[in-house]
Every structure is written in structure tokens, then in C-alpha cells.
Amino acid sequence: MARNILVVEDDPDINKLLCRILEGAGYQCRPAFSGSEAELWAAQYDYDLILLDLMLPGLSGEEFIAKVRQGKTMPIIVASAKAGLEDRVNVLRLGADDFIPKPFDNAEVLARVQAQLRRYKEFSGTEGSAPRLVHGDLILDRDSVTVSAAGRDVSLTAREFEILALLMEHPKKVFTREQLLDQIWGYEYIGDTRTVDVHIKRLREKIKDHANWSLATVWGIGYKFEVRD
């Protein structure tokens, strides 16, 4: 079954080009030319991935990400000319999974989309992994792709879910930022380690720390899931 991608780009020529690139690889695309139109489509249908510009009429790309992330976990790739460091960090903090600066290379766009879809398909668990991870009142269920903390449901993106599952599965093991990039984003990811810091910060804000566990920083090295006796 073909994967469905929502392409949100207000420039008709660029939107058409992106759809042509993706449809040539076998994906089904729905074009949207404003943030408001994209919000309507995202509310009515489930998409496997969203490819998104930031400077959009009606609803900005940043506002769109914030709204979508209130209830949906599909990968979001931003393709934008707003490629400064703060812009990239901000969209990652909001919930985007990857960033492609404009002007983009056609082959890179396709490779990034394929990588994100491959990771999203696999993120609910790998063969041999425990389907349910429990530490105190923090419960991660790979089968239902859900997380609860202190009795409340926590909405995570696919990337956040992957990070938490990896850390919970190996309590007290320290993962460097480079190891997390390799295992969660994959070797095809081209980016800096600050991406990991942004995702960990957002994950901490959602699940909070607990008396018996926390997402601990190992200064100068990386992160670990700390279990306290």
C-alpha cells in the first residue's frame, strides 16, 4: 500500500516539484498551499508523513506543527529557507523530526523522506524487544504505541517514543549523543548533536522526573535513564 504524504508549500511550482519527486518513488501526495488548508487536511485524514514549509499564508509552519503535535505522531520534515540555527532548533523543539534547507537537492529530499518513513515503521519495537517497559509508574507499550506517567497518558512523537524506549530498555546505560543519533535517527541523518538535546528537553517536559527515575544528563557525554533504588 502506498504511503500518503501531505505536502505543504505555498509556491505552486515547488509544491508540484515535491509531489513529482515523491510520486515518482511510489508515494501518494496531497498538496496544500497554506497552513490553514493543511490543518484541515490533517484533521480529516491520517498521513504517513508531512513535508512542510514554514513561511505559509493563513497559519505559519511553526503554528501548524504545534497544532498537529497535540495529537498526531507521524514524521514531519521541514523544508524551508529559514535555515538559521535558531529556526532549526525551534522547529525541532516544536516537534519536527528533520530539517531540509532551501534550495534543496531532489535526491536528498527523497532520501530524507524514505529514512523518516523507515524509522517510523520500525519505531514501535524491534524483533526481540520487550513489548512493554515499566519503571514505577512510567509505562511504555510498544504494541499500542502509548506511554503513561503517573497515571496520565503522554502524547509523544515517533522520535520521542524511540528515544524513551531505548533509554528505558537499558536503564543506567549512558548513551552518547552520537550513539543516539546513530540508533534513533540512523546513519543517513545529516545534522549536529544539538538535535538530540532538543528532543531530550522536550521529552523531559512531557514525562517529568519522578522520585524513582529520571532522564539524567551525564555531563560532557550524553544521557541515561536513571533508576533510583
Protein backbone atom coordinates (compact mmCIF):
# COMPACT_ATOMS: atom_id res chain seq x y z
CA MET A 1 0.00 0.00 0.00
CA ALA A 2 1.37 3.41 -0.99
CA ARG A 3 2.32 5.81 1.79
CA ASN A 4 0.35 9.06 1.93
CA ILE A 5 2.26 12.32 2.26
CA LEU A 6 0.87 15.80 2.85
CA VAL A 7 2.99 18.38 1.00
CA VAL A 8 2.51 21.86 2.45
CA GLU A 9 4.11 24.54 0.27
CA ASP A 10 2.57 27.82 -0.89
CA ASP A 11 4.72 28.13 -4.03
CA PRO A 12 2.80 26.14 -6.70
CA ASP A 13 5.93 25.28 -8.69
CA ILE A 14 7.84 23.98 -5.66
CA ASN A 15 4.77 22.09 -4.42
CA LYS A 16 4.37 20.47 -7.83
CA LEU A 17 8.07 19.59 -7.91
CA LEU A 18 7.99 17.96 -4.48
CA CYS A 19 4.90 15.95 -5.39
CA ARG A 20 6.53 14.83 -8.63
CA ILE A 21 9.66 13.68 -6.77
CA LEU A 22 7.65 11.70 -4.24
CA GLU A 23 5.05 10.29 -6.63
CA GLY A 24 7.89 9.14 -8.87
CA ALA A 25 9.04 6.99 -5.95
CA GLY A 26 5.59 5.48 -5.47
CA TYR A 27 4.15 7.73 -2.77
CA GLN A 28 0.71 9.35 -2.86
CA CYS A 29 0.74 13.10 -2.29
CA ARG A 30 -1.88 15.63 -1.32
CA PRO A 31 -0.79 19.22 -1.96
CA ALA A 32 -1.74 22.02 0.43
CA PHE A 33 -0.90 25.67 -0.26
CA SER A 34 -1.47 27.28 3.13
CA GLY A 35 -1.15 26.36 6.76
CA SER A 36 -4.91 26.64 7.20
CA GLU A 37 -5.59 24.24 4.33
CA ALA A 38 -3.01 21.81 5.71
CA GLU A 39 -4.67 21.93 9.13
CA LEU A 40 -7.99 20.95 7.58
CA TRP A 41 -6.49 18.01 5.66
CA ALA A 42 -4.55 16.81 8.70
CA ALA A 43 -7.73 16.84 10.78
CA GLN A 44 -9.69 14.82 8.20
CA TYR A 45 -7.12 12.22 7.15
CA ASP A 46 -4.17 10.30 8.56
CA TYR A 47 -0.91 10.87 6.71
CA ASP A 48 2.27 8.83 6.97
CA LEU A 49 4.45 11.93 6.71
CA ILE A 50 4.15 15.71 6.34
CA LEU A 51 6.60 17.75 4.26
CA LEU A 52 6.25 21.35 5.38
CA ASP A 53 7.36 24.86 4.51
CA LEU A 54 7.43 27.44 7.34
CA MET A 55 6.51 30.71 5.65
CA LEU A 56 2.88 29.97 4.81
CA PRO A 57 -0.26 32.08 4.48
CA GLY A 58 -3.05 31.63 7.00
CA LEU A 59 -1.20 29.56 9.55
CA SER A 60 2.59 29.54 9.82
CA GLY A 61 4.53 26.30 9.65
CA GLU A 62 5.52 26.67 13.29
CA GLU A 63 1.89 27.10 14.35
CA PHE A 64 0.89 24.12 12.22
CA ILE A 65 3.49 21.86 13.87
CA ALA A 66 2.30 22.89 17.34
CA LYS A 67 -1.31 22.09 16.46
CA VAL A 68 -0.57 18.75 14.78
CA ARG A 69 1.63 17.59 17.65
CA GLN A 70 -1.29 17.88 20.06
CA GLY A 71 -2.50 14.51 18.84
CA LYS A 72 -0.52 13.09 15.90
CA THR A 73 2.86 11.37 15.78
CA MET A 74 3.71 10.99 12.08
CA PRO A 75 7.12 12.33 10.96
CA ILE A 76 7.26 16.00 9.99
CA ILE A 77 10.07 17.19 7.73
CA VAL A 78 10.50 20.94 7.38
CA ALA A 79 11.86 22.27 4.06
CA SER A 80 12.45 25.99 4.41
CA ALA A 81 14.65 28.93 3.50
CA LYS A 82 14.51 29.92 7.18
CA ALA A 83 17.58 27.83 7.84
CA GLY A 84 19.29 29.69 10.67
CA LEU A 85 20.34 27.71 13.73
CA GLU A 86 17.60 29.16 15.93
CA ASP A 87 14.95 28.45 13.28
CA ARG A 88 16.05 24.82 13.02
CA VAL A 89 16.23 24.35 16.78
CA ASN A 90 12.83 25.96 17.23
CA VAL A 91 11.03 23.63 14.80
CA LEU A 92 12.70 20.61 16.36
CA ARG A 93 11.58 21.81 19.76
CA LEU A 94 8.03 22.17 18.47
CA GLY A 95 8.03 18.58 17.21
CA ALA A 96 9.54 18.42 13.72
CA ASP A 97 11.72 15.39 13.01
CA ASP A 98 14.06 16.74 10.36
CA PHE A 99 15.00 19.94 8.52
CA ILE A 100 15.99 20.45 4.88
CA PRO A 101 17.27 23.92 3.94
CA LYS A 102 16.18 25.53 0.67
CA PRO A 103 17.29 25.38 -2.05
CA PHE A 104 17.17 21.61 -1.71
CA ASP A 105 18.55 18.72 -3.71
CA ASN A 106 15.84 16.46 -5.13
CA ALA A 107 17.69 13.27 -4.22
CA GLU A 108 18.21 14.48 -0.65
CA VAL A 109 14.51 15.21 -0.19
CA LEU A 110 13.61 11.70 -1.30
CA ALA A 111 16.32 10.13 0.88
CA ARG A 112 15.18 12.06 3.96
CA VAL A 113 11.55 11.07 3.37
CA GLN A 114 12.46 7.41 2.91
CA ALA A 115 14.61 7.45 6.05
CA GLN A 116 11.88 9.01 8.17
CA LEU A 117 9.23 6.58 6.91
CA ARG A 118 11.52 3.62 7.50
CA ARG A 119 12.25 4.73 11.07
CA TYR A 120 8.58 5.45 11.75
CA LYS A 121 7.59 1.97 10.58
CA GLU A 122 10.13 0.41 12.91
CA PHE A 123 9.80 2.65 15.95
CA SER A 124 7.10 0.64 17.73
CA GLY A 125 9.66 -2.03 18.50
CA THR A 126 12.29 -4.32 17.07
CA GLU A 127 12.35 -8.07 16.99
CA GLY A 128 13.33 -9.45 20.40
CA SER A 129 12.48 -6.26 22.27
CA ALA A 130 10.14 -6.35 25.23
CA PRO A 131 6.71 -5.09 24.10
CA ARG A 132 6.09 -3.38 27.46
CA LEU A 133 8.60 -1.46 29.55
CA VAL A 134 7.69 -0.49 33.10
CA HIS A 135 9.65 1.52 35.65
CA GLY A 136 7.47 2.52 38.59
CA ASP A 137 4.54 4.49 37.22
CA LEU A 138 6.19 5.08 33.85
CA ILE A 139 4.80 2.59 31.32
CA LEU A 140 5.75 2.34 27.64
CA ASP A 141 3.81 -0.09 25.46
CA ARG A 142 5.25 -0.80 22.02
CA ASP A 143 2.21 -2.73 20.77
CA SER A 144 -0.24 0.10 21.39
CA VAL A 145 2.43 2.80 20.96
CA THR A 146 1.41 4.51 24.19
CA VAL A 147 3.16 5.99 27.21
CA SER A 148 1.70 6.82 30.60
CA ALA A 149 3.40 8.56 33.52
CA ALA A 150 1.91 8.93 36.99
CA GLY A 151 -1.40 7.60 35.67
CA ARG A 152 -1.75 10.12 32.83
CA ASP A 153 -1.40 9.47 29.13
CA VAL A 154 1.56 11.20 27.49
CA SER A 155 1.46 12.13 23.80
CA LEU A 156 4.89 11.62 22.21
CA THR A 157 6.15 11.97 18.67
CA ALA A 158 7.61 8.90 16.99
CA ARG A 159 11.13 10.16 17.62
CA GLU A 160 10.46 10.89 21.30
CA PHE A 161 8.92 7.44 21.70
CA GLU A 162 12.01 5.81 20.18
CA ILE A 163 14.38 7.71 22.46
CA LEU A 164 12.41 6.86 25.59
CA ALA A 165 12.09 3.18 24.61
CA LEU A 166 15.84 2.89 24.01
CA LEU A 167 16.76 4.54 27.30
CA MET A 168 14.17 2.61 29.33
CA GLU A 169 15.28 -0.68 27.81
CA HIS A 170 18.84 -0.04 29.04
CA PRO A 171 18.47 1.63 32.44
CA LYS A 172 21.65 3.23 33.81
CA LYS A 173 23.47 2.77 30.48
CA VAL A 174 24.97 6.01 29.23
CA PHE A 175 24.34 6.83 25.56
CA THR A 176 26.45 9.48 23.88
CA ARG A 177 24.71 11.98 21.64
CA GLU A 178 26.42 10.36 18.66
CA GLN A 179 25.10 6.93 19.65
CA LEU A 180 21.57 8.29 19.95
CA LEU A 181 21.86 9.93 16.53
CA ASP A 182 23.03 6.64 15.02
CA GLN A 183 20.42 4.44 16.70
CA ILE A 184 17.40 6.74 16.58
CA TRP A 185 17.96 8.90 13.51
CA GLY A 186 20.05 6.41 11.59
CA TYR A 187 23.35 6.77 9.77
CA GLU A 188 21.69 8.68 6.97
CA TYR A 189 20.93 11.62 9.26
CA ILE A 190 22.97 14.73 8.49
CA GLY A 191 22.86 17.08 11.45
CA ASP A 192 24.52 18.10 14.69
CA THR A 193 24.14 16.64 18.15
CA ARG A 194 22.08 19.59 19.36
CA THR A 195 19.15 17.81 17.75
CA VAL A 196 19.41 15.16 20.49
CA ASP A 197 19.45 17.82 23.23
CA VAL A 198 16.29 19.43 21.87
CA HIS A 199 14.40 16.12 21.78
CA ILE A 200 15.53 15.14 25.29
CA LYS A 201 14.45 18.53 26.65
CA ARG A 202 11.00 18.18 25.08
CA LEU A 203 10.71 14.60 26.34
CA ARG A 204 11.55 15.70 29.88
CA GLU A 205 8.90 18.39 29.74
CA LYS A 206 6.29 15.80 28.83
CA ILE A 207 7.05 12.93 31.21
CA LYS A 208 8.63 14.94 34.08
CA ASP A 209 11.09 13.47 36.56
CA HIS A 210 10.00 11.10 39.30
CA ALA A 211 11.32 10.14 42.71
CA ASN A 212 12.32 6.71 41.35
CA TRP A 213 13.58 7.58 37.86
CA SER A 214 14.69 10.41 35.59
CA LEU A 215 16.23 11.19 32.22
CA ALA A 216 19.64 12.11 33.53
CA THR A 217 22.35 14.14 31.82
CA VAL A 218 25.87 12.76 32.04
CA TRP A 219 27.79 15.98 31.55
CA GLY A 220 30.14 16.01 28.60
CA ILE A 221 28.97 12.58 27.44
CA GLY A 222 25.24 12.14 26.90
CA TYR A 223 22.14 10.77 28.61
CA LYS A 224 20.83 7.79 30.55
CA PHE A 225 17.63 6.53 32.14
CA GLU A 226 18.44 6.79 35.82
CA VAL A 227 16.65 4.35 38.11
CA ARG A 228 16.87 5.18 41.80
CA ASP A 229 16.59 2.45 44.44
